[in-house]
């Protein structure tokens, strides 16, 4: 194993204590946190079948009608990135950061739920940066559960479901039950933020040290076992890694 920190203009000052935003690696940590909850009995197979309509209040989801199929999106669906909600990471990703810094020049970017909630607004979603509601205003591109499409916001929905089921934020649960077991220190407020939402942003924004990220990688390498302790059950890992069916790439833009 090799470890080094380079004193280059882009990495000046980096050392073993530097926190790095690990972008979509966060999604894997989100799944690992649910795996820990599964192993401890705070999450079970019945929870995976819980749906948007049966879990969140009408206000939170923009008062979707009783017949709206988006109410049927389940935790299982979003864990598999099979919500069916229209999403095009290719079109949005490069522009999302700049759009958050200033109003977007490209109207197509307003299809991104975060950008839309910041700048475009939606009468169905009152309040500042109401991400959950804005995500669920996306049109369906596919029937929920049928087609995989890479979607950062599905991972956000995972986090929202998790909080409703366990009564804890994803970041707090990860800190209390997973990270501490690995000797990782996380500030659940500043090191894995929520973008002024009640729910941790499960699709990104985790800040972590390189050594601690390596620990998470080793945990997966050893099938969820750390020392003599099975932190994440093999059952969860098998569920997480099994191929689920048809995929779409590049994604369909709506």
Protein backbone atom coordinates (compact mmCIF):
# COMPACT_ATOMS: atom_id res chain seq x y z
CA UNK A 1 0.00 0.00 0.00
CA UNK A 2 1.33 3.44 -0.95
CA UNK A 3 0.37 6.87 0.41
CA UNK A 4 1.70 10.25 -0.72
CA UNK A 5 0.53 13.87 -0.88
CA UNK A 6 1.86 16.06 -3.67
CA UNK A 7 2.79 19.71 -3.35
CA UNK A 8 1.44 20.86 -6.70
CA UNK A 9 -0.53 24.06 -7.40
CA UNK A 10 -3.80 22.15 -7.45
CA UNK A 11 -2.97 20.10 -4.36
CA UNK A 12 -0.87 22.54 -2.31
CA UNK A 13 -1.17 21.95 1.41
CA UNK A 14 -2.79 18.52 1.11
CA UNK A 15 -1.85 16.10 3.85
CA UNK A 16 -3.24 13.12 5.74
CA UNK A 17 -5.74 15.36 7.54
CA UNK A 18 -7.12 17.09 4.45
CA UNK A 19 -10.84 16.58 3.82
CA UNK A 20 -11.74 15.87 0.19
CA UNK A 21 -15.12 16.13 -1.46
CA UNK A 22 -15.44 12.64 -2.94
CA UNK A 23 -18.35 13.45 -5.23
CA UNK A 24 -20.32 10.38 -6.31
CA UNK A 25 -18.30 8.00 -4.16
CA UNK A 26 -20.76 9.39 -1.63
CA UNK A 27 -23.45 7.25 -3.24
CA UNK A 28 -21.58 4.10 -2.26
CA UNK A 29 -21.23 5.36 1.31
CA UNK A 30 -24.97 6.01 1.33
CA UNK A 31 -25.60 2.38 0.40
CA UNK A 32 -23.07 1.20 2.98
CA UNK A 33 -24.87 3.19 5.67
CA UNK A 34 -28.15 1.52 4.77
CA UNK A 35 -26.31 -1.78 4.82
CA UNK A 36 -25.17 -1.06 8.36
CA UNK A 37 -28.76 -0.24 9.37
CA UNK A 38 -29.90 -3.49 7.71
CA UNK A 39 -27.28 -5.43 9.66
CA UNK A 40 -28.30 -3.82 12.97
CA UNK A 41 -32.00 -4.41 12.31
CA UNK A 42 -32.95 -0.75 11.87
CA UNK A 43 -33.94 -1.46 8.26
CA UNK A 44 -35.63 -4.55 6.83
CA UNK A 45 -37.05 -6.00 3.63
CA UNK A 46 -40.49 -4.51 4.29
CA UNK A 47 -38.92 -1.05 4.48
CA UNK A 48 -37.55 -1.49 0.96
CA UNK A 49 -41.13 -1.65 -0.33
CA UNK A 50 -42.14 1.66 1.26
CA UNK A 51 -43.29 4.17 -1.32
CA UNK A 52 -43.13 7.93 -1.77
CA UNK A 53 -46.88 8.26 -1.24
CA UNK A 54 -46.88 6.08 1.86
CA UNK A 55 -43.82 7.69 3.45
CA UNK A 56 -43.88 11.44 2.89
CA UNK A 57 -46.56 14.02 3.52
CA UNK A 58 -48.48 15.46 0.58
CA UNK A 59 -46.84 18.84 1.22
CA UNK A 60 -43.35 17.35 1.03
CA UNK A 61 -43.99 15.76 -2.36
CA UNK A 62 -45.82 18.67 -3.97
CA UNK A 63 -49.35 17.34 -3.49
CA UNK A 64 -49.05 14.68 -6.18
CA UNK A 65 -52.48 13.32 -7.01
CA UNK A 66 -53.56 9.96 -5.60
CA UNK A 67 -53.27 8.44 -9.08
CA UNK A 68 -49.84 9.87 -9.86
CA UNK A 69 -47.42 6.96 -10.50
CA UNK A 70 -44.59 8.92 -8.88
CA UNK A 71 -46.27 8.17 -5.54
CA UNK A 72 -45.44 4.49 -6.16
CA UNK A 73 -41.65 4.98 -6.34
CA UNK A 74 -40.19 2.78 -3.60
CA UNK A 75 -37.02 2.80 -1.55
CA UNK A 76 -36.02 -0.34 -3.46
CA UNK A 77 -36.45 1.54 -6.76
CA UNK A 78 -34.24 4.48 -5.76
CA UNK A 79 -31.58 2.22 -4.24
CA UNK A 80 -31.31 0.65 -7.71
CA UNK A 81 -31.51 4.04 -9.50
CA UNK A 82 -34.77 2.87 -11.05
CA UNK A 83 -37.12 5.61 -9.92
CA UNK A 84 -38.00 6.28 -13.56
CA UNK A 85 -37.68 10.03 -12.96
CA UNK A 86 -36.24 11.96 -15.89
CA UNK A 87 -32.59 12.75 -15.29
CA UNK A 88 -29.63 13.50 -17.55
CA UNK A 89 -26.39 13.74 -15.57
CA UNK A 90 -24.40 14.30 -18.78
CA UNK A 91 -26.39 17.43 -19.59
CA UNK A 92 -26.49 18.82 -16.06
CA UNK A 93 -23.27 17.89 -14.28
CA UNK A 94 -20.86 20.30 -15.92
CA UNK A 95 -23.19 23.24 -15.45
CA UNK A 96 -24.63 22.51 -12.00
CA UNK A 97 -21.83 24.07 -9.94
CA UNK A 98 -21.72 27.28 -11.97
CA UNK A 99 -25.49 27.48 -11.94
CA UNK A 100 -25.52 27.28 -8.16
CA UNK A 101 -23.08 30.22 -8.06
CA UNK A 102 -25.17 32.41 -10.37
CA UNK A 103 -28.46 32.16 -12.29
CA UNK A 104 -28.14 29.74 -15.21
CA UNK A 105 -27.72 31.08 -18.72
CA UNK A 106 -28.87 27.84 -20.29
CA UNK A 107 -32.62 27.23 -19.81
CA UNK A 108 -32.10 23.48 -20.19
CA UNK A 109 -30.17 23.48 -16.92
CA UNK A 110 -33.37 24.48 -15.14
CA UNK A 111 -34.48 20.88 -15.65
CA UNK A 112 -32.05 20.08 -12.81
CA UNK A 113 -34.18 19.96 -9.62
CA UNK A 114 -31.68 21.89 -7.47
CA UNK A 115 -31.24 24.65 -10.05
CA UNK A 116 -34.98 24.82 -10.64
CA UNK A 117 -35.74 25.11 -6.93
CA UNK A 118 -33.17 27.91 -6.62
CA UNK A 119 -33.96 29.99 -9.67
CA UNK A 120 -37.07 28.84 -11.51
CA UNK A 121 -39.38 28.13 -8.60
CA UNK A 122 -42.39 25.87 -8.49
CA UNK A 123 -45.76 26.69 -6.97
CA UNK A 124 -46.06 23.07 -5.82
CA UNK A 125 -42.85 23.37 -3.78
CA UNK A 126 -42.96 26.33 -1.39
CA UNK A 127 -39.84 27.17 0.58
CA UNK A 128 -36.18 27.69 -0.20
CA UNK A 129 -34.33 24.82 -1.83
CA UNK A 130 -37.08 22.28 -1.25
CA UNK A 131 -35.13 19.51 -2.94
CA UNK A 132 -37.36 16.51 -2.22
CA UNK A 133 -40.43 18.17 -3.70
CA UNK A 134 -38.49 19.52 -6.68
CA UNK A 135 -37.10 16.07 -7.49
CA UNK A 136 -40.56 14.54 -7.41
CA UNK A 137 -41.85 17.15 -9.85
CA UNK A 138 -39.62 15.58 -12.51
CA UNK A 139 -41.65 13.80 -15.19
CA UNK A 140 -41.39 10.05 -15.42
CA UNK A 141 -39.25 8.85 -18.32
CA UNK A 142 -39.80 5.18 -17.41
CA UNK A 143 -42.14 3.11 -15.27
CA UNK A 144 -40.65 3.01 -11.74
CA UNK A 145 -38.60 -0.11 -11.16
CA UNK A 146 -38.12 -1.04 -14.81
CA UNK A 147 -35.04 0.80 -16.10
CA UNK A 148 -31.70 1.85 -14.60
CA UNK A 149 -30.66 5.42 -15.32
CA UNK A 150 -27.81 7.09 -13.44
CA UNK A 151 -29.45 9.66 -11.18
CA UNK A 152 -27.85 11.57 -8.32
CA UNK A 153 -31.29 12.50 -7.08
CA UNK A 154 -32.32 8.90 -6.58
CA UNK A 155 -29.57 8.74 -3.97
CA UNK A 156 -31.02 11.85 -2.35
CA UNK A 157 -34.38 10.07 -2.19
CA UNK A 158 -32.65 7.11 -0.53
CA UNK A 159 -31.46 9.46 2.21
CA UNK A 160 -34.93 10.95 2.62
CA UNK A 161 -36.54 7.52 2.92
CA UNK A 162 -33.85 6.50 5.41
CA UNK A 163 -34.55 9.46 7.69
CA UNK A 164 -38.27 8.80 7.66
CA UNK A 165 -37.77 5.12 8.52
CA UNK A 166 -35.09 5.45 11.19
CA UNK A 167 -35.75 8.91 12.59
CA UNK A 168 -32.08 9.84 12.04
CA UNK A 169 -30.27 11.72 9.32
CA UNK A 170 -28.11 9.60 7.07
CA UNK A 171 -24.96 11.45 8.11
CA UNK A 172 -25.65 11.11 11.84
CA UNK A 173 -26.42 7.41 11.52
CA UNK A 174 -23.26 6.85 9.46
CA UNK A 175 -21.22 8.66 12.10
CA UNK A 176 -22.76 6.82 15.07
CA UNK A 177 -22.89 3.30 13.67
CA UNK A 178 -20.44 2.95 10.79
CA UNK A 179 -17.68 5.53 10.88
CA UNK A 180 -16.95 5.23 14.59
CA UNK A 181 -16.50 1.48 14.15
CA UNK A 182 -13.76 2.24 11.61
CA UNK A 183 -12.08 4.96 13.64
CA UNK A 184 -13.37 7.67 11.28
CA UNK A 185 -14.31 11.04 12.75
CA UNK A 186 -17.13 12.79 10.91
CA UNK A 187 -18.86 16.05 11.69
CA UNK A 188 -22.32 15.12 10.38
CA UNK A 189 -23.25 18.78 9.96
CA UNK A 190 -20.23 20.18 8.12
CA UNK A 191 -18.58 17.09 6.59
CA UNK A 192 -21.70 15.69 4.89
CA UNK A 193 -24.07 18.53 4.32
CA UNK A 194 -27.73 18.70 3.43
CA UNK A 195 -27.98 21.89 1.32
CA UNK A 196 -30.44 23.44 3.79
CA UNK A 197 -32.71 20.44 3.45
CA UNK A 198 -33.86 18.24 6.34
CA UNK A 199 -32.18 15.31 4.58
CA UNK A 200 -28.48 14.57 4.04
CA UNK A 201 -27.53 14.84 0.38
CA UNK A 202 -27.04 11.14 -0.29
CA UNK A 203 -25.77 11.63 -3.84
CA UNK A 204 -22.67 13.69 -3.01
CA UNK A 205 -21.09 16.34 -0.76
CA UNK A 206 -19.34 13.94 1.63
CA UNK A 207 -16.01 15.34 2.84
CA UNK A 208 -13.54 12.69 4.00
CA UNK A 209 -9.82 12.04 4.49
CA UNK A 210 -7.96 9.81 2.05
CA UNK A 211 -7.04 7.33 4.78
CA UNK A 212 -10.65 7.09 5.91
CA UNK A 213 -11.84 6.52 2.36
CA UNK A 214 -9.31 3.69 2.15
CA UNK A 215 -10.86 2.16 5.29
CA UNK A 216 -14.27 2.12 3.64
CA UNK A 217 -12.74 0.50 0.57
CA UNK A 218 -11.09 -2.16 2.71
CA UNK A 219 -14.38 -2.83 4.47
CA UNK A 220 -15.93 -3.66 1.12
CA UNK A 221 -12.88 -5.63 0.02
CA UNK A 222 -13.34 -7.86 3.08
CA UNK A 223 -17.07 -8.43 2.45
CA UNK A 224 -18.30 -6.00 5.11
CA UNK A 225 -16.11 -7.38 7.89
CA UNK A 226 -13.80 -5.22 10.01
CA UNK A 227 -11.58 -7.26 12.26
CA UNK A 228 -13.88 -9.76 13.93
CA UNK A 229 -17.02 -7.68 13.40
CA UNK A 230 -19.41 -8.04 10.46
CA UNK A 231 -20.33 -4.36 10.08
CA UNK A 232 -22.30 -4.88 6.86
CA UNK A 233 -23.97 -8.21 6.26
CA UNK A 234 -23.10 -10.32 3.26
CA UNK A 235 -26.83 -10.39 2.48
CA UNK A 236 -26.82 -6.61 1.94
CA UNK A 237 -23.69 -6.74 -0.17
CA UNK A 238 -25.22 -9.43 -2.37
CA UNK A 239 -28.36 -7.34 -2.80
CA UNK A 240 -26.29 -4.26 -3.62
CA UNK A 241 -24.00 -5.86 -6.18
CA UNK A 242 -26.42 -8.11 -8.06
CA UNK A 243 -27.20 -7.07 -11.65
CA UNK A 244 -30.80 -5.88 -11.81
CA UNK A 245 -31.78 -5.68 -15.48
CA UNK A 246 -31.96 -3.23 -18.41
CA UNK A 247 -29.97 -0.02 -18.39
CA UNK A 248 -30.15 3.19 -20.40
CA UNK A 249 -27.01 5.08 -21.41
CA UNK A 250 -26.85 7.79 -22.43
CA UNK A 251 -29.91 8.71 -20.39
CA UNK A 252 -33.10 10.04 -21.88
CA UNK A 253 -33.52 13.80 -21.44
CA UNK A 254 -37.02 15.05 -20.70
